[in-house]
Amino acid sequence: MKYADWNADKRYSDSTAPGWIPAGTTVQFKADRTTGRIVNGNGERSLVEYHPTTGGGWQREWFNNSELRIAA
């Protein structure tokens, strides 16, 4: 799967404002290439559900959108 850096000016769906990543979108963290899915968010931050590389179960945390790459 290809990923692109988050763009605050891009409209990711017809039903969201520019910069907002729709729920269910697959994302990749720039830092370690871990993938996850958007649960909820806004034009600056998103709640992401992901499986941490350190082990354990699924987690949900807020991340700045600038830390994410979006599935293309």
C-alpha atoms as a PDB file:
ATOM      1  CA  MET A   1       0.000   0.000   0.000  1.00  0.00           C
ATOM      2  CA  LYS A   2       1.250   3.487  -0.828  1.00  0.00           C
ATOM      3  CA  TYR A   3       1.093   6.342   1.661  1.00  0.00           C
ATOM      4  CA  ALA A   4       1.329  10.110   1.263  1.00  0.00           C
ATOM      5  CA  ASP A   5       2.125  12.769   3.860  1.00  0.00           C
ATOM      6  CA  TRP A   6      -0.910  14.438   5.433  1.00  0.00           C
ATOM      7  CA  ASN A   7      -1.822  17.721   3.745  1.00  0.00           C
ATOM      8  CA  ALA A   8      -3.849  20.323   5.655  1.00  0.00           C
ATOM      9  CA  ASP A   9      -5.214  21.732   2.373  1.00  0.00           C
ATOM     10  CA  LYS A  10      -6.337  18.415   0.879  1.00  0.00           C
ATOM     11  CA  ARG A  11      -9.955  17.246   1.005  1.00  0.00           C
ATOM     12  CA  TYR A  12      -9.791  13.530   1.883  1.00  0.00           C
ATOM     13  CA  SER A  13     -13.506  12.926   1.282  1.00  0.00           C
ATOM     14  CA  ASP A  14     -16.544  14.816   0.027  1.00  0.00           C
ATOM     15  CA  SER A  15     -18.047  14.797   3.524  1.00  0.00           C
ATOM     16  CA  THR A  16     -15.080  16.270   5.435  1.00  0.00           C
ATOM     17  CA  ALA A  17     -13.375  19.648   5.557  1.00  0.00           C
ATOM     18  CA  PRO A  18      -9.852  20.036   4.123  1.00  0.00           C
ATOM     19  CA  GLY A  19      -7.256  18.362   6.333  1.00  0.00           C
ATOM     20  CA  TRP A  20      -9.775  16.106   8.102  1.00  0.00           C
ATOM     21  CA  ILE A  21      -9.050  12.401   7.669  1.00  0.00           C
ATOM     22  CA  PRO A  22     -12.257  10.326   7.490  1.00  0.00           C
ATOM     23  CA  ALA A  23     -12.947   7.599  10.064  1.00  0.00           C
ATOM     24  CA  GLY A  24     -11.786   4.184   8.871  1.00  0.00           C
ATOM     25  CA  THR A  25      -8.883   5.536   6.811  1.00  0.00           C
ATOM     26  CA  THR A  26      -5.672   3.511   7.078  1.00  0.00           C
ATOM     27  CA  VAL A  27      -2.691   5.575   8.183  1.00  0.00           C
ATOM     28  CA  GLN A  28       1.006   4.969   8.723  1.00  0.00           C
ATOM     29  CA  PHE A  29       3.107   6.639  11.420  1.00  0.00           C
ATOM     30  CA  LYS A  30       6.107   8.461   9.986  1.00  0.00           C
ATOM     31  CA  ALA A  31       8.289   7.553  12.972  1.00  0.00           C
ATOM     32  CA  ASP A  32       8.196   3.756  12.761  1.00  0.00           C
ATOM     33  CA  ARG A  33       5.912   2.837   9.820  1.00  0.00           C
ATOM     34  CA  THR A  34       3.351   1.198  12.139  1.00  0.00           C
ATOM     35  CA  THR A  35      -0.120   1.285  10.603  1.00  0.00           C
ATOM     36  CA  GLY A  36      -3.479   2.011  12.162  1.00  0.00           C
ATOM     37  CA  ARG A  37      -6.975   3.285  11.424  1.00  0.00           C
ATOM     38  CA  ILE A  38      -8.575   6.636  12.105  1.00  0.00           C
ATOM     39  CA  VAL A  39     -11.363   6.465  14.694  1.00  0.00           C
ATOM     40  CA  ASN A  40     -12.146  10.187  14.880  1.00  0.00           C
ATOM     41  CA  GLY A  41     -10.324  13.411  14.282  1.00  0.00           C
ATOM     42  CA  ASN A  42     -10.205  16.984  13.142  1.00  0.00           C
ATOM     43  CA  GLY A  43      -7.992  19.179  10.976  1.00  0.00           C
ATOM     44  CA  GLU A  44      -5.070  18.965  13.416  1.00  0.00           C
ATOM     45  CA  ARG A  45      -5.288  15.719  15.425  1.00  0.00           C
ATOM     46  CA  SER A  46      -6.795  12.265  14.987  1.00  0.00           C
ATOM     47  CA  LEU A  47      -7.685   9.406  17.304  1.00  0.00           C
ATOM     48  CA  VAL A  48      -5.883   6.374  15.852  1.00  0.00           C
ATOM     49  CA  GLU A  49      -6.398   2.704  16.726  1.00  0.00           C
ATOM     50  CA  TYR A  50      -3.171   0.763  16.247  1.00  0.00           C
ATOM     51  CA  HIS A  51      -1.187  -2.229  17.469  1.00  0.00           C
ATOM     52  CA  PRO A  52       2.033  -0.936  19.101  1.00  0.00           C
ATOM     53  CA  THR A  53       5.370  -2.372  18.018  1.00  0.00           C
ATOM     54  CA  THR A  54       6.250  -2.934  21.696  1.00  0.00           C
ATOM     55  CA  GLY A  55       3.541  -5.590  21.989  1.00  0.00           C
ATOM     56  CA  GLY A  56       0.248  -5.713  23.791  1.00  0.00           C
ATOM     57  CA  GLY A  57      -3.240  -5.298  22.420  1.00  0.00           C
ATOM     58  CA  TRP A  58      -4.852  -2.631  20.315  1.00  0.00           C
ATOM     59  CA  GLN A  59      -4.556   0.913  21.615  1.00  0.00           C
ATOM     60  CA  ARG A  60      -6.244   4.216  20.827  1.00  0.00           C
ATOM     61  CA  GLU A  61      -4.347   7.479  21.121  1.00  0.00           C
ATOM     62  CA  TRP A  62      -4.515  11.003  19.730  1.00  0.00           C
ATOM     63  CA  PHE A  63      -1.768  11.996  17.296  1.00  0.00           C
ATOM     64  CA  ASN A  64      -1.025  15.165  15.374  1.00  0.00           C
ATOM     65  CA  ASN A  65      -2.000  14.658  11.748  1.00  0.00           C
ATOM     66  CA  SER A  66       1.471  15.862  10.745  1.00  0.00           C
ATOM     67  CA  GLU A  67       2.857  12.627  12.277  1.00  0.00           C
ATOM     68  CA  LEU A  68       0.742  10.515   9.909  1.00  0.00           C
ATOM     69  CA  ARG A  69       0.905   9.363   6.326  1.00  0.00           C
ATOM     70  CA  ILE A  70      -2.416   8.632   4.595  1.00  0.00           C
ATOM     71  CA  ALA A  71      -3.179   5.551   2.469  1.00  0.00           C
ATOM     72  CA  ALA A  72      -3.274   6.626  -1.161  1.00  0.00           C
END
